[in-house]
Amino acid sequence: MNWPEAEAAIRLVIETEWALTPYAATMPLAWEAETDVAEDQFVYITIEGTFGDKTIYGGVGKRSSIEAGLVFYHAFVPTGTGKDLALNAVNAISNILQLRVIESDIRVDGANPPSPIEMTPDREMPRTQPSGMFYRCSGSVSFLVLGKI
């Protein structure tokens, strides 16, 4: 599996299973470089590569690849609404992704614990902001993409 296919597969899993959570109706997903969110609460997601190894084992046709990455997700809720919604949304995405195999080639590790809540503007935030201040709770999960090339 190549990187664009892996990214698309991970995104499909997140979108499909997020729609089944109780948060889907009120917290839309915003994807890196795609969406300026006009909602007052949302989850912002990026999929980033961190490592790649392409090698040849044995003769011709025995090439393999291992690529690694991280899925980062940030739940934003308006200041003054409490942290539970943001924390629960991050935990929901962690539960969707962690400790599973996606399309037989993507191995997802356990999720990192949610980060502390912040009240300051963040460089990861989409440019359009519904208001100036958010509580933010972030989570991440690492994965490996195994392939043959």
Protein backbone atom coordinates (compact mmCIF):
# COMPACT_ATOMS: atom_id res chain seq x y z
CA MET A 1 0.00 0.00 0.00
CA ASN A 2 1.37 3.43 -0.86
CA TRP A 3 1.09 6.55 1.32
CA PRO A 4 -1.88 8.24 -0.45
CA GLU A 5 -3.88 5.00 -0.25
CA ALA A 6 -3.04 4.63 3.45
CA GLU A 7 -4.03 8.21 4.19
CA ALA A 8 -7.34 7.74 2.35
CA ALA A 9 -8.04 4.48 4.21
CA ILE A 10 -7.38 6.05 7.62
CA ARG A 11 -9.57 9.02 6.75
CA LEU A 12 -12.40 6.76 5.61
CA VAL A 13 -12.30 4.81 8.89
CA ILE A 14 -12.40 8.02 10.92
CA GLU A 15 -15.24 9.59 8.91
CA THR A 16 -17.33 6.41 8.84
CA GLU A 17 -17.03 5.61 12.52
CA TRP A 18 -17.23 9.25 13.68
CA ALA A 19 -20.66 9.44 12.05
CA LEU A 20 -21.81 6.75 14.51
CA THR A 21 -20.69 8.67 17.62
CA PRO A 22 -22.96 10.98 19.60
CA TYR A 23 -20.59 13.87 18.75
CA ALA A 24 -21.00 13.75 14.98
CA ALA A 25 -24.15 15.89 14.91
CA THR A 26 -22.58 18.82 16.76
CA MET A 27 -18.83 18.52 16.12
CA PRO A 28 -17.87 18.37 12.44
CA LEU A 29 -14.50 17.03 11.35
CA ALA A 30 -12.10 19.52 9.77
CA TRP A 31 -9.20 18.15 7.73
CA GLU A 32 -5.82 19.77 7.24
CA ALA A 33 -5.68 22.25 4.36
CA GLU A 34 -9.28 21.53 3.35
CA THR A 35 -11.80 23.11 5.64
CA ASP A 36 -12.28 26.46 7.30
CA VAL A 37 -14.76 25.58 10.01
CA ALA A 38 -17.60 27.96 10.74
CA GLU A 39 -18.83 25.99 13.73
CA ASP A 40 -18.37 26.87 17.36
CA GLN A 41 -17.03 23.38 18.14
CA PHE A 42 -15.16 20.98 15.87
CA VAL A 43 -12.41 18.36 15.62
CA TYR A 44 -9.37 19.21 13.49
CA ILE A 45 -7.39 16.25 12.09
CA THR A 46 -4.00 15.91 10.41
CA ILE A 47 -2.26 12.77 9.14
CA GLU A 48 1.51 13.19 9.06
CA GLY A 49 4.33 10.95 7.93
CA THR A 50 7.30 10.49 10.25
CA PHE A 51 9.49 7.75 8.75
CA GLY A 52 10.01 5.75 5.58
CA ASP A 53 12.19 2.73 4.80
CA LYS A 54 12.27 1.13 1.38
CA THR A 55 14.52 -1.89 1.07
CA ILE A 56 15.30 -4.92 -1.08
CA TYR A 57 15.43 -8.35 0.55
CA GLY A 58 16.81 -11.02 -1.71
CA GLY A 59 16.36 -10.99 -5.47
CA VAL A 60 14.21 -9.08 -7.92
CA GLY A 61 10.61 -8.58 -6.84
CA LYS A 62 11.49 -8.82 -3.14
CA ARG A 63 11.13 -5.15 -2.28
CA SER A 64 9.28 -3.95 0.76
CA SER A 65 8.47 -0.68 2.41
CA ILE A 66 7.60 0.43 5.88
CA GLU A 67 6.29 3.94 6.46
CA ALA A 68 5.26 5.42 9.77
CA GLY A 69 3.01 8.29 10.66
CA LEU A 70 0.87 9.98 13.26
CA VAL A 71 -2.75 10.99 13.25
CA PHE A 72 -3.20 14.16 15.31
CA TYR A 73 -6.68 15.26 16.36
CA HIS A 74 -7.64 18.40 18.20
CA ALA A 75 -11.11 19.00 19.67
CA PHE A 76 -12.07 22.65 20.01
CA VAL A 77 -14.96 23.89 22.14
CA PRO A 78 -15.81 27.49 23.11
CA THR A 79 -14.32 28.90 26.27
CA GLY A 80 -16.68 28.56 29.19
CA THR A 81 -18.36 25.34 28.06
CA GLY A 82 -16.15 23.03 30.12
CA LYS A 83 -13.59 20.49 29.04
CA ASP A 84 -15.69 17.31 29.05
CA LEU A 85 -16.94 17.63 25.46
CA ALA A 86 -13.43 18.18 24.07
CA LEU A 87 -11.96 15.38 26.18
CA ASN A 88 -14.72 12.93 25.23
CA ALA A 89 -14.41 13.74 21.51
CA VAL A 90 -10.65 13.06 21.64
CA ASN A 91 -11.26 9.79 23.46
CA ALA A 92 -13.86 8.81 20.84
CA ILE A 93 -11.36 9.23 17.99
CA SER A 94 -8.71 7.37 20.00
CA ASN A 95 -11.15 4.49 20.40
CA ILE A 96 -11.93 4.52 16.67
CA LEU A 97 -8.28 4.17 15.66
CA GLN A 98 -6.18 2.51 18.30
CA LEU A 99 -4.98 -1.09 18.31
CA ARG A 100 -6.43 -2.12 14.98
CA VAL A 101 -5.45 -3.18 11.49
CA ILE A 102 -6.86 -1.18 8.57
CA GLU A 103 -7.07 -2.88 5.18
CA SER A 104 -4.46 -5.47 6.24
CA ASP A 105 -1.51 -3.11 5.59
CA ILE A 106 -1.93 -0.42 8.24
CA ARG A 107 -1.07 -1.28 11.84
CA VAL A 108 -2.33 1.30 14.33
CA ASP A 109 -0.74 1.51 17.78
CA GLY A 110 -2.33 2.56 21.03
CA ALA A 111 -3.33 6.20 21.33
CA ASN A 112 -1.41 8.69 23.42
CA PRO A 113 -3.36 10.14 26.36
CA PRO A 114 -5.26 13.38 25.67
CA SER A 115 -3.16 16.51 26.16
CA PRO A 116 -4.04 19.20 28.68
CA ILE A 117 -6.68 21.71 27.73
CA GLU A 118 -5.40 25.07 26.48
CA MET A 119 -7.12 28.42 26.16
CA THR A 120 -4.69 30.18 23.82
CA PRO A 121 -4.86 30.44 20.02
CA ASP A 122 -3.01 27.58 18.36
CA ARG A 123 -0.95 27.39 15.16
CA GLU A 124 -2.81 24.19 14.24
CA MET A 125 -6.16 25.97 14.23
CA PRO A 126 -7.85 26.57 10.89
CA ARG A 127 -7.63 30.22 9.82
CA THR A 128 -11.32 30.99 10.20
CA GLN A 129 -12.28 30.87 13.84
CA PRO A 130 -15.86 31.20 15.07
CA SER A 131 -14.63 33.27 18.02
CA GLY A 132 -11.32 34.15 19.57
CA MET A 133 -10.93 31.64 22.38
CA PHE A 134 -11.27 27.90 22.54
CA TYR A 135 -10.51 25.14 24.94
CA ARG A 136 -8.42 22.63 23.02
CA CYS A 137 -7.79 19.00 23.81
CA SER A 138 -5.46 17.02 21.56
CA GLY A 139 -4.70 13.37 21.01
CA SER A 140 -2.58 11.30 18.66
CA VAL A 141 -2.01 7.76 17.54
CA SER A 142 0.90 6.33 15.57
CA PHE A 143 0.68 3.82 12.73
CA LEU A 144 2.81 1.78 10.33
CA VAL A 145 2.06 1.20 6.65
CA LEU A 146 3.51 -2.07 5.34
CA GLY A 147 3.90 -2.40 1.61
CA LYS A 148 5.54 -4.24 -1.24
CA ILE A 149 7.02 -2.28 -4.10
